[in-house]
Amino acid sequence: WLGFHAAVALATAFKPFYAAFWIVP
């Protein structure tokens, strides 16, 4: 999941609601 965590962290820095994707892992 490392690549997924990195992608979601970057996306959340652009738009806060991308943090919802941490529900997947």
mmCIF file of all heavy atoms, coordinates in Angstrom:
data_MODEL
# 
_entry.id   MODEL 
# 
loop_
_atom_site.group_PDB 
_atom_site.id 
_atom_site.type_symbol 
_atom_site.label_atom_id 
_atom_site.label_alt_id 
_atom_site.label_comp_id 
_atom_site.label_asym_id 
_atom_site.label_entity_id 
_atom_site.label_seq_id 
_atom_site.pdbx_PDB_ins_code 
_atom_site.Cartn_x 
_atom_site.Cartn_y 
_atom_site.Cartn_z 
_atom_site.occupancy 
_atom_site.B_iso_or_equiv 
_atom_site.pdbx_formal_charge 
_atom_site.auth_seq_id 
_atom_site.auth_comp_id 
_atom_site.auth_asym_id 
_atom_site.auth_atom_id 
_atom_site.pdbx_PDB_model_num 
ATOM 1   N N   . TRP A 1 1  ? 0.799   -1.223 0.000  1.00 0.00 ? 1  TRP A N   1 
ATOM 2   C CA  . TRP A 1 1  ? 0.000   0.000  0.000  1.00 0.00 ? 1  TRP A CA  1 
ATOM 3   C C   . TRP A 1 1  ? 0.834   1.278  0.000  1.00 0.00 ? 1  TRP A C   1 
ATOM 4   O O   . TRP A 1 1  ? 0.264   2.379  0.013  1.00 0.00 ? 1  TRP A O   1 
ATOM 5   C CB  . TRP A 1 1  ? -0.910  0.006  1.226  1.00 0.00 ? 1  TRP A CB  1 
ATOM 6   C CG  . TRP A 1 1  ? -2.014  -0.996 1.161  1.00 0.00 ? 1  TRP A CG  1 
ATOM 7   C CD1 . TRP A 1 1  ? -2.003  -2.257 1.692  1.00 0.00 ? 1  TRP A CD1 1 
ATOM 8   C CD2 . TRP A 1 1  ? -3.295  -0.827 0.543  1.00 0.00 ? 1  TRP A CD2 1 
ATOM 9   N NE1 . TRP A 1 1  ? -3.191  -2.886 1.429  1.00 0.00 ? 1  TRP A NE1 1 
ATOM 10  C CE2 . TRP A 1 1  ? -4.011  -2.036 0.730  1.00 0.00 ? 1  TRP A CE2 1 
ATOM 11  C CE3 . TRP A 1 1  ? -3.903  0.218  -0.152 1.00 0.00 ? 1  TRP A CE3 1 
ATOM 12  C CZ2 . TRP A 1 1  ? -5.308  -2.221 0.262  1.00 0.00 ? 1  TRP A CZ2 1 
ATOM 13  C CZ3 . TRP A 1 1  ? -5.194  0.039  -0.623 1.00 0.00 ? 1  TRP A CZ3 1 
ATOM 14  C CH2 . TRP A 1 1  ? -5.881  -1.168 -0.423 1.00 0.00 ? 1  TRP A CH2 1 
ATOM 15  N N   . LEU A 1 2  ? 2.158   1.197  0.003  1.00 0.00 ? 2  LEU A N   1 
ATOM 16  C CA  . LEU A 1 2  ? 2.979   2.392  0.145  1.00 0.00 ? 2  LEU A CA  1 
ATOM 17  C C   . LEU A 1 2  ? 2.690   3.408  -0.954 1.00 0.00 ? 2  LEU A C   1 
ATOM 18  O O   . LEU A 1 2  ? 2.512   4.607  -0.688 1.00 0.00 ? 2  LEU A O   1 
ATOM 19  C CB  . LEU A 1 2  ? 4.465   2.020  0.135  1.00 0.00 ? 2  LEU A CB  1 
ATOM 20  C CG  . LEU A 1 2  ? 5.444   3.196  0.266  1.00 0.00 ? 2  LEU A CG  1 
ATOM 21  C CD1 . LEU A 1 2  ? 5.208   3.956  1.563  1.00 0.00 ? 2  LEU A CD1 1 
ATOM 22  C CD2 . LEU A 1 2  ? 6.887   2.709  0.180  1.00 0.00 ? 2  LEU A CD2 1 
ATOM 23  N N   . GLY A 1 3  ? 2.658   2.961  -2.211 1.00 0.00 ? 3  GLY A N   1 
ATOM 24  C CA  . GLY A 1 3  ? 2.382   3.880  -3.309 1.00 0.00 ? 3  GLY A CA  1 
ATOM 25  C C   . GLY A 1 3  ? 1.016   4.523  -3.192 1.00 0.00 ? 3  GLY A C   1 
ATOM 26  O O   . GLY A 1 3  ? 0.840   5.707  -3.502 1.00 0.00 ? 3  GLY A O   1 
ATOM 27  N N   . PHE A 1 4  ? 0.030   3.757  -2.736 1.00 0.00 ? 4  PHE A N   1 
ATOM 28  C CA  . PHE A 1 4  ? -1.320  4.306  -2.555 1.00 0.00 ? 4  PHE A CA  1 
ATOM 29  C C   . PHE A 1 4  ? -1.311  5.376  -1.469 1.00 0.00 ? 4  PHE A C   1 
ATOM 30  O O   . PHE A 1 4  ? -1.894  6.458  -1.640 1.00 0.00 ? 4  PHE A O   1 
ATOM 31  C CB  . PHE A 1 4  ? -2.282  3.177  -2.189 1.00 0.00 ? 4  PHE A CB  1 
ATOM 32  C CG  . PHE A 1 4  ? -3.717  3.612  -2.062 1.00 0.00 ? 4  PHE A CG  1 
ATOM 33  C CD1 . PHE A 1 4  ? -4.539  3.653  -3.170 1.00 0.00 ? 4  PHE A CD1 1 
ATOM 34  C CD2 . PHE A 1 4  ? -4.235  3.981  -0.832 1.00 0.00 ? 4  PHE A CD2 1 
ATOM 35  C CE1 . PHE A 1 4  ? -5.864  4.049  -3.056 1.00 0.00 ? 4  PHE A CE1 1 
ATOM 36  C CE2 . PHE A 1 4  ? -5.553  4.384  -0.699 1.00 0.00 ? 4  PHE A CE2 1 
ATOM 37  C CZ  . PHE A 1 4  ? -6.374  4.422  -1.820 1.00 0.00 ? 4  PHE A CZ  1 
ATOM 38  N N   . HIS A 1 5  ? -0.659  5.107  -0.336 1.00 0.00 ? 5  HIS A N   1 
ATOM 39  C CA  . HIS A 1 5  ? -0.586  6.105  0.746  1.00 0.00 ? 5  HIS A CA  1 
ATOM 40  C C   . HIS A 1 5  ? 0.079   7.389  0.243  1.00 0.00 ? 5  HIS A C   1 
ATOM 41  O O   . HIS A 1 5  ? -0.381  8.504  0.554  1.00 0.00 ? 5  HIS A O   1 
ATOM 42  C CB  . HIS A 1 5  ? 0.207   5.541  1.925  1.00 0.00 ? 5  HIS A CB  1 
ATOM 43  C CG  . HIS A 1 5  ? -0.522  4.498  2.703  1.00 0.00 ? 5  HIS A CG  1 
ATOM 44  N ND1 . HIS A 1 5  ? -1.727  4.716  3.324  1.00 0.00 ? 5  HIS A ND1 1 
ATOM 45  C CD2 . HIS A 1 5  ? -0.201  3.196  2.966  1.00 0.00 ? 5  HIS A CD2 1 
ATOM 46  C CE1 . HIS A 1 5  ? -2.126  3.613  3.941  1.00 0.00 ? 5  HIS A CE1 1 
ATOM 47  N NE2 . HIS A 1 5  ? -1.212  2.673  3.737  1.00 0.00 ? 5  HIS A NE2 1 
ATOM 48  N N   . ALA A 1 6  ? 1.160   7.244  -0.511 1.00 0.00 ? 6  ALA A N   1 
ATOM 49  C CA  . ALA A 1 6  ? 1.862   8.429  -1.026 1.00 0.00 ? 6  ALA A CA  1 
ATOM 50  C C   . ALA A 1 6  ? 0.967   9.221  -1.972 1.00 0.00 ? 6  ALA A C   1 
ATOM 51  O O   . ALA A 1 6  ? 0.930   10.461 -1.914 1.00 0.00 ? 6  ALA A O   1 
ATOM 52  C CB  . ALA A 1 6  ? 3.146   8.009  -1.740 1.00 0.00 ? 6  ALA A CB  1 
ATOM 53  N N   . ALA A 1 7  ? 0.234   8.517  -2.851 1.00 0.00 ? 7  ALA A N   1 
ATOM 54  C CA  . ALA A 1 7  ? -0.646  9.201  -3.803 1.00 0.00 ? 7  ALA A CA  1 
ATOM 55  C C   . ALA A 1 7  ? -1.770  9.932  -3.086 1.00 0.00 ? 7  ALA A C   1 
ATOM 56  O O   . ALA A 1 7  ? -2.098  11.081 -3.426 1.00 0.00 ? 7  ALA A O   1 
ATOM 57  C CB  . ALA A 1 7  ? -1.216  8.185  -4.802 1.00 0.00 ? 7  ALA A CB  1 
ATOM 58  N N   . VAL A 1 8  ? -2.371  9.295  -2.079 1.00 0.00 ? 8  VAL A N   1 
ATOM 59  C CA  . VAL A 1 8  ? -3.467  9.935  -1.345 1.00 0.00 ? 8  VAL A CA  1 
ATOM 60  C C   . VAL A 1 8  ? -2.959  11.129 -0.539 1.00 0.00 ? 8  VAL A C   1 
ATOM 61  O O   . VAL A 1 8  ? -3.627  12.172 -0.450 1.00 0.00 ? 8  VAL A O   1 
ATOM 62  C CB  . VAL A 1 8  ? -4.182  8.914  -0.440 1.00 0.00 ? 8  VAL A CB  1 
ATOM 63  C CG1 . VAL A 1 8  ? -5.247  9.602  0.416  1.00 0.00 ? 8  VAL A CG1 1 
ATOM 64  C CG2 . VAL A 1 8  ? -4.829  7.823  -1.281 1.00 0.00 ? 8  VAL A CG2 1 
ATOM 65  N N   . ALA A 1 9  ? -1.762  11.008 0.039  1.00 0.00 ? 9  ALA A N   1 
ATOM 66  C CA  . ALA A 1 9  ? -1.194  12.129 0.791  1.00 0.00 ? 9  ALA A CA  1 
ATOM 67  C C   . ALA A 1 9  ? -0.957  13.324 -0.123 1.00 0.00 ? 9  ALA A C   1 
ATOM 68  O O   . ALA A 1 9  ? -1.273  14.470 0.232  1.00 0.00 ? 9  ALA A O   1 
ATOM 69  C CB  . ALA A 1 9  ? 0.114   11.698 1.467  1.00 0.00 ? 9  ALA A CB  1 
ATOM 70  N N   . LEU A 1 10 ? -0.399  13.081 -1.322 1.00 0.00 ? 10 LEU A N   1 
ATOM 71  C CA  . LEU A 1 10 ? -0.186  14.174 -2.266 1.00 0.00 ? 10 LEU A CA  1 
ATOM 72  C C   . LEU A 1 10 ? -1.509  14.785 -2.703 1.00 0.00 ? 10 LEU A C   1 
ATOM 73  O O   . LEU A 1 10 ? -1.654  16.020 -2.750 1.00 0.00 ? 10 LEU A O   1 
ATOM 74  C CB  . LEU A 1 10 ? 0.584   13.650 -3.482 1.00 0.00 ? 10 LEU A CB  1 
ATOM 75  C CG  . LEU A 1 10 ? 0.816   14.652 -4.617 1.00 0.00 ? 10 LEU A CG  1 
ATOM 76  C CD1 . LEU A 1 10 ? 1.665   15.826 -4.145 1.00 0.00 ? 10 LEU A CD1 1 
ATOM 77  C CD2 . LEU A 1 10 ? 1.461   13.961 -5.815 1.00 0.00 ? 10 LEU A CD2 1 
ATOM 78  N N   . ALA A 1 11 ? -2.485  13.937 -3.016 1.00 0.00 ? 11 ALA A N   1 
ATOM 79  C CA  . ALA A 1 11 ? -3.782  14.445 -3.453 1.00 0.00 ? 11 ALA A CA  1 
ATOM 80  C C   . ALA A 1 11 ? -4.453  15.253 -2.353 1.00 0.00 ? 11 ALA A C   1 
ATOM 81  O O   . ALA A 1 11 ? -5.062  16.303 -2.615 1.00 0.00 ? 11 ALA A O   1 
ATOM 82  C CB  . ALA A 1 11 ? -4.676  13.281 -3.882 1.00 0.00 ? 11 ALA A CB  1 
ATOM 83  N N   . THR A 1 12 ? -4.344  14.810 -1.101 1.00 0.00 ? 12 THR A N   1 
ATOM 84  C CA  . THR A 1 12 ? -4.963  15.525 0.010  1.00 0.00 ? 12 THR A CA  1 
ATOM 85  C C   . THR A 1 12 ? -4.329  16.887 0.211  1.00 0.00 ? 12 THR A C   1 
ATOM 86  O O   . THR A 1 12 ? -4.993  17.840 0.633  1.00 0.00 ? 12 THR A O   1 
ATOM 87  C CB  . THR A 1 12 ? -4.852  14.688 1.300  1.00 0.00 ? 12 THR A CB  1 
ATOM 88  O OG1 . THR A 1 12 ? -5.456  13.405 1.077  1.00 0.00 ? 12 THR A OG1 1 
ATOM 89  C CG2 . THR A 1 12 ? -5.547  15.364 2.464  1.00 0.00 ? 12 THR A CG2 1 
ATOM 90  N N   . ALA A 1 13 ? -3.035  17.012 -0.101 1.00 0.00 ? 13 ALA A N   1 
ATOM 91  C CA  . ALA A 1 13 ? -2.380  18.322 -0.021 1.00 0.00 ? 13 ALA A CA  1 
ATOM 92  C C   . ALA A 1 13 ? -2.974  19.291 -1.039 1.00 0.00 ? 13 ALA A C   1 
ATOM 93  O O   . ALA A 1 13 ? -2.953  20.507 -0.832 1.00 0.00 ? 13 ALA A O   1 
ATOM 94  C CB  . ALA A 1 13 ? -0.877  18.174 -0.248 1.00 0.00 ? 13 ALA A CB  1 
ATOM 95  N N   . PHE A 1 14 ? -3.514  18.756 -2.136 1.00 0.00 ? 14 PHE A N   1 
ATOM 96  C CA  . PHE A 1 14 ? -4.154  19.594 -3.149 1.00 0.00 ? 14 PHE A CA  1 
ATOM 97  C C   . PHE A 1 14 ? -5.613  19.892 -2.807 1.00 0.00 ? 14 PHE A C   1 
ATOM 98  O O   . PHE A 1 14 ? -6.085  21.008 -3.006 1.00 0.00 ? 14 PHE A O   1 
ATOM 99  C CB  . PHE A 1 14 ? -4.089  18.905 -4.518 1.00 0.00 ? 14 PHE A CB  1 
ATOM 100 C CG  . PHE A 1 14 ? -2.830  19.162 -5.280 1.00 0.00 ? 14 PHE A CG  1 
ATOM 101 C CD1 . PHE A 1 14 ? -1.634  18.562 -4.891 1.00 0.00 ? 14 PHE A CD1 1 
ATOM 102 C CD2 . PHE A 1 14 ? -2.814  19.998 -6.381 1.00 0.00 ? 14 PHE A CD2 1 
ATOM 103 C CE1 . PHE A 1 14 ? -0.456  18.792 -5.600 1.00 0.00 ? 14 PHE A CE1 1 
ATOM 104 C CE2 . PHE A 1 14 ? -1.648  20.242 -7.088 1.00 0.00 ? 14 PHE A CE2 1 
ATOM 105 C CZ  . PHE A 1 14 ? -0.467  19.632 -6.694 1.00 0.00 ? 14 PHE A CZ  1 
ATOM 106 N N   . LYS A 1 15 ? -6.326  18.870 -2.290 1.00 0.00 ? 15 LYS A N   1 
ATOM 107 C CA  . LYS A 1 15 ? -7.739  19.031 -1.952 1.00 0.00 ? 15 LYS A CA  1 
ATOM 108 C C   . LYS A 1 15 ? -8.028  18.171 -0.727 1.00 0.00 ? 15 LYS A C   1 
ATOM 109 O O   . LYS A 1 15 ? -7.837  16.960 -0.767 1.00 0.00 ? 15 LYS A O   1 
ATOM 110 C CB  . LYS A 1 15 ? -8.638  18.605 -3.118 1.00 0.00 ? 15 LYS A CB  1 
ATOM 111 C CG  . LYS A 1 15 ? -8.434  19.440 -4.381 1.00 0.00 ? 15 LYS A CG  1 
ATOM 112 C CD  . LYS A 1 15 ? -9.342  18.959 -5.509 1.00 0.00 ? 15 LYS A CD  1 
ATOM 113 C CE  . LYS A 1 15 ? -9.105  19.763 -6.780 1.00 0.00 ? 15 LYS A CE  1 
ATOM 114 N NZ  . LYS A 1 15 ? -9.994  19.343 -7.896 1.00 0.00 ? 15 LYS A NZ  1 
ATOM 115 N N   . PRO A 1 16 ? -8.522  18.757 0.360  1.00 0.00 ? 16 PRO A N   1 
ATOM 116 C CA  . PRO A 1 16 ? -8.638  18.019 1.629  1.00 0.00 ? 16 PRO A CA  1 
ATOM 117 C C   . PRO A 1 16 ? -9.486  16.758 1.548  1.00 0.00 ? 16 PRO A C   1 
ATOM 118 O O   . PRO A 1 16 ? -9.209  15.784 2.247  1.00 0.00 ? 16 PRO A O   1 
ATOM 119 C CB  . PRO A 1 16 ? -9.268  19.046 2.576  1.00 0.00 ? 16 PRO A CB  1 
ATOM 120 C CG  . PRO A 1 16 ? -8.949  20.377 1.984  1.00 0.00 ? 16 PRO A CG  1 
ATOM 121 C CD  . PRO A 1 16 ? -8.889  20.178 0.504  1.00 0.00 ? 16 PRO A CD  1 
ATOM 122 N N   . PHE A 1 17 ? -10.514 16.748 0.698  1.00 0.00 ? 17 PHE A N   1 
ATOM 123 C CA  . PHE A 1 17 ? -11.453 15.626 0.731  1.00 0.00 ? 17 PHE A CA  1 
ATOM 124 C C   . PHE A 1 17 ? -10.897 14.346 0.115  1.00 0.00 ? 17 PHE A C   1 
ATOM 125 O O   . PHE A 1 17 ? -11.524 13.293 0.232  1.00 0.00 ? 17 PHE A O   1 
ATOM 126 C CB  . PHE A 1 17 ? -12.765 16.024 0.050  1.00 0.00 ? 17 PHE A CB  1 
ATOM 127 C CG  . PHE A 1 17 ? -13.529 17.069 0.823  1.00 0.00 ? 17 PHE A CG  1 
ATOM 128 C CD1 . PHE A 1 17 ? -13.654 18.355 0.337  1.00 0.00 ? 17 PHE A CD1 1 
ATOM 129 C CD2 . PHE A 1 17 ? -14.074 16.751 2.051  1.00 0.00 ? 17 PHE A CD2 1 
ATOM 130 C CE1 . PHE A 1 17 ? -14.339 19.322 1.058  1.00 0.00 ? 17 PHE A CE1 1 
ATOM 131 C CE2 . PHE A 1 17 ? -14.764 17.708 2.789  1.00 0.00 ? 17 PHE A CE2 1 
ATOM 132 C CZ  . PHE A 1 17 ? -14.899 18.998 2.295  1.00 0.00 ? 17 PHE A CZ  1 
ATOM 133 N N   . TYR A 1 18 ? -9.723  14.414 -0.503 1.00 0.00 ? 18 TYR A N   1 
ATOM 134 C CA  . TYR A 1 18 ? -9.082  13.187 -0.959 1.00 0.00 ? 18 TYR A CA  1 
ATOM 135 C C   . TYR A 1 18 ? -8.695  12.289 0.219  1.00 0.00 ? 18 TYR A C   1 
ATOM 136 O O   . TYR A 1 18 ? -8.439  11.096 0.034  1.00 0.00 ? 18 TYR A O   1 
ATOM 137 C CB  . TYR A 1 18 ? -7.828  13.503 -1.772 1.00 0.00 ? 18 TYR A CB  1 
ATOM 138 C CG  . TYR A 1 18 ? -8.083  13.916 -3.197 1.00 0.00 ? 18 TYR A CG  1 
ATOM 139 C CD1 . TYR A 1 18 ? -8.076  15.259 -3.563 1.00 0.00 ? 18 TYR A CD1 1 
ATOM 140 C CD2 . TYR A 1 18 ? -8.314  12.970 -4.181 1.00 0.00 ? 18 TYR A CD2 1 
ATOM 141 C CE1 . TYR A 1 18 ? -8.305  15.646 -4.868 1.00 0.00 ? 18 TYR A CE1 1 
ATOM 142 C CE2 . TYR A 1 18 ? -8.535  13.341 -5.496 1.00 0.00 ? 18 TYR A CE2 1 
ATOM 143 C CZ  . TYR A 1 18 ? -8.535  14.693 -5.836 1.00 0.00 ? 18 TYR A CZ  1 
ATOM 144 O OH  . TYR A 1 18 ? -8.773  15.069 -7.128 1.00 0.00 ? 18 TYR A OH  1 
ATOM 145 N N   . ALA A 1 19 ? -8.643  12.851 1.420  1.00 0.00 ? 19 ALA A N   1 
ATOM 146 C CA  . ALA A 1 19 ? -8.309  12.050 2.598  1.00 0.00 ? 19 ALA A CA  1 
ATOM 147 C C   . ALA A 1 19 ? -9.293  10.908 2.806  1.00 0.00 ? 19 ALA A C   1 
ATOM 148 O O   . ALA A 1 19 ? -8.957  9.903  3.458  1.00 0.00 ? 19 ALA A O   1 
ATOM 149 C CB  . ALA A 1 19 ? -8.275  12.940 3.844  1.00 0.00 ? 19 ALA A CB  1 
ATOM 150 N N   . ALA A 1 20 ? -10.497 11.028 2.242  1.00 0.00 ? 20 ALA A N   1 
ATOM 151 C CA  . ALA A 1 20 ? -11.481 9.953  2.371  1.00 0.00 ? 20 ALA A CA  1 
ATOM 152 C C   . ALA A 1 20 ? -10.972 8.642  1.776  1.00 0.00 ? 20 ALA A C   1 
ATOM 153 O O   . ALA A 1 20 ? -11.439 7.560  2.158  1.00 0.00 ? 20 ALA A O   1 
ATOM 154 C CB  . ALA A 1 20 ? -12.793 10.357 1.693  1.00 0.00 ? 20 ALA A CB  1 
ATOM 155 N N   . PHE A 1 21 ? -9.998  8.702  0.867  1.00 0.00 ? 21 PHE A N   1 
ATOM 156 C CA  . PHE A 1 21 ? -9.495  7.485  0.240  1.00 0.00 ? 21 PHE A CA  1 
ATOM 157 C C   . PHE A 1 21 ? -8.713  6.604  1.207  1.00 0.00 ? 21 PHE A C   1 
ATOM 158 O O   . PHE A 1 21 ? -8.441  5.442  0.887  1.00 0.00 ? 21 PHE A O   1 
ATOM 159 C CB  . PHE A 1 21 ? -8.628  7.828  -0.981 1.00 0.00 ? 21 PHE A CB  1 
ATOM 160 C CG  . PHE A 1 21 ? -9.430  8.042  -2.226 1.00 0.00 ? 21 PHE A CG  1 
ATOM 161 C CD1 . PHE A 1 21 ? -9.873  9.306  -2.570 1.00 0.00 ? 21 PHE A CD1 1 
ATOM 162 C CD2 . PHE A 1 21 ? -9.764  6.975  -3.048 1.00 0.00 ? 21 PHE A CD2 1 
ATOM 163 C CE1 . PHE A 1 21 ? -10.637 9.506  -3.707 1.00 0.00 ? 21 PHE A CE1 1 
ATOM 164 C CE2 . PHE A 1 21 ? -10.522 7.164  -4.187 1.00 0.00 ? 21 PHE A CE2 1 
ATOM 165 C CZ  . PHE A 1 21 ? -10.958 8.437  -4.521 1.00 0.00 ? 21 PHE A CZ  1 
ATOM 166 N N   . TRP A 1 22 ? -8.362  7.117  2.385  1.00 0.00 ? 22 TRP A N   1 
ATOM 167 C CA  . TRP A 1 22 ? -7.696  6.244  3.353  1.00 0.00 ? 22 TRP A CA  1 
ATOM 168 C C   . TRP A 1 22 ? -8.654  5.194  3.914  1.00 0.00 ? 22 TRP A C   1 
ATOM 169 O O   . TRP A 1 22 ? -8.221  4.246  4.572  1.00 0.00 ? 22 TRP A O   1 
ATOM 170 C CB  . TRP A 1 22 ? -7.056  7.062  4.463  1.00 0.00 ? 22 TRP A CB  1 
ATOM 171 C CG  . TRP A 1 22 ? -5.644  7.411  4.133  1.00 0.00 ? 22 TRP A CG  1 
ATOM 172 C CD1 . TRP A 1 22 ? -4.615  6.535  3.883  1.00 0.00 ? 22 TRP A CD1 1 
ATOM 173 C CD2 . TRP A 1 22 ? -5.081  8.715  3.984  1.00 0.00 ? 22 TRP A CD2 1 
ATOM 174 N NE1 . TRP A 1 22 ? -3.450  7.215  3.593  1.00 0.00 ? 22 TRP A NE1 1 
ATOM 175 C CE2 . TRP A 1 22 ? -3.706  8.558  3.647  1.00 0.00 ? 22 TRP A CE2 1 
ATOM 176 C CE3 . TRP A 1 22 ? -5.584  10.004 4.112  1.00 0.00 ? 22 TRP A CE3 1 
ATOM 177 C CZ2 . TRP A 1 22 ? -2.847  9.631  3.447  1.00 0.00 ? 22 TRP A CZ2 1 
ATOM 178 C CZ3 . TRP A 1 22 ? -4.739  11.079 3.911  1.00 0.00 ? 22 TRP A CZ3 1 
ATOM 179 C CH2 . TRP A 1 22 ? -3.385  10.896 3.580  1.00 0.00 ? 22 TRP A CH2 1 
ATOM 180 N N   . ILE A 1 23 ? -9.936  5.336  3.627  1.00 0.00 ? 23 ILE A N   1 
ATOM 181 C CA  . ILE A 1 23 ? -10.874 4.296  4.029  1.00 0.00 ? 23 ILE A CA  1 
ATOM 182 C C   . ILE A 1 23 ? -10.603 2.997  3.272  1.00 0.00 ? 23 ILE A C   1 
ATOM 183 O O   . ILE A 1 23 ? -10.926 1.905  3.748  1.00 0.00 ? 23 ILE A O   1 
ATOM 184 C CB  . ILE A 1 23 ? -12.335 4.774  3.808  1.00 0.00 ? 23 ILE A CB  1 
ATOM 185 C CG1 . ILE A 1 23 ? -13.294 3.924  4.619  1.00 0.00 ? 23 ILE A CG1 1 
ATOM 186 C CG2 . ILE A 1 23 ? -12.714 4.730  2.338  1.00 0.00 ? 23 ILE A CG2 1 
ATOM 187 C CD1 . ILE A 1 23 ? -14.722 4.432  4.579  1.00 0.00 ? 23 ILE A CD1 1 
ATOM 188 N N   . VAL A 1 24 ? -9.975  3.094  2.094  1.00 0.00 ? 24 VAL A N   1 
ATOM 189 C CA  . VAL A 1 24 ? -9.719  1.900  1.279  1.00 0.00 ? 24 VAL A CA  1 
ATOM 190 C C   . VAL A 1 24 ? -8.697  0.983  1.942  1.00 0.00 ? 24 VAL A C   1 
ATOM 191 O O   . VAL A 1 24 ? -8.985  -0.199 2.197  1.00 0.00 ? 24 VAL A O   1 
ATOM 192 C CB  . VAL A 1 24 ? -9.297  2.286  -0.150 1.00 0.00 ? 24 VAL A CB  1 
ATOM 193 C CG1 . VAL A 1 24 ? -9.081  1.029  -0.997 1.00 0.00 ? 24 VAL A CG1 1 
ATOM 194 C CG2 . VAL A 1 24 ? -10.350 3.178  -0.807 1.00 0.00 ? 24 VAL A CG2 1 
ATOM 195 N N   . PRO A 1 25 ? -7.478  1.433  2.276  1.00 0.00 ? 25 PRO A N   1 
ATOM 196 C CA  . PRO A 1 25 ? -6.534  0.522  2.950  1.00 0.00 ? 25 PRO A CA  1 
ATOM 197 C C   . PRO A 1 25 ? -6.991  0.117  4.347  1.00 0.00 ? 25 PRO A C   1 
ATOM 198 O O   . PRO A 1 25 ? -6.667  -0.987 4.811  1.00 0.00 ? 25 PRO A O   1 
ATOM 199 C CB  . PRO A 1 25 ? -5.227  1.316  2.996  1.00 0.00 ? 25 PRO A CB  1 
ATOM 200 C CG  . PRO A 1 25 ? -5.633  2.740  2.869  1.00 0.00 ? 25 PRO A CG  1 
ATOM 201 C CD  . PRO A 1 25 ? -6.847  2.746  1.995  1.00 0.00 ? 25 PRO A CD  1 
# 
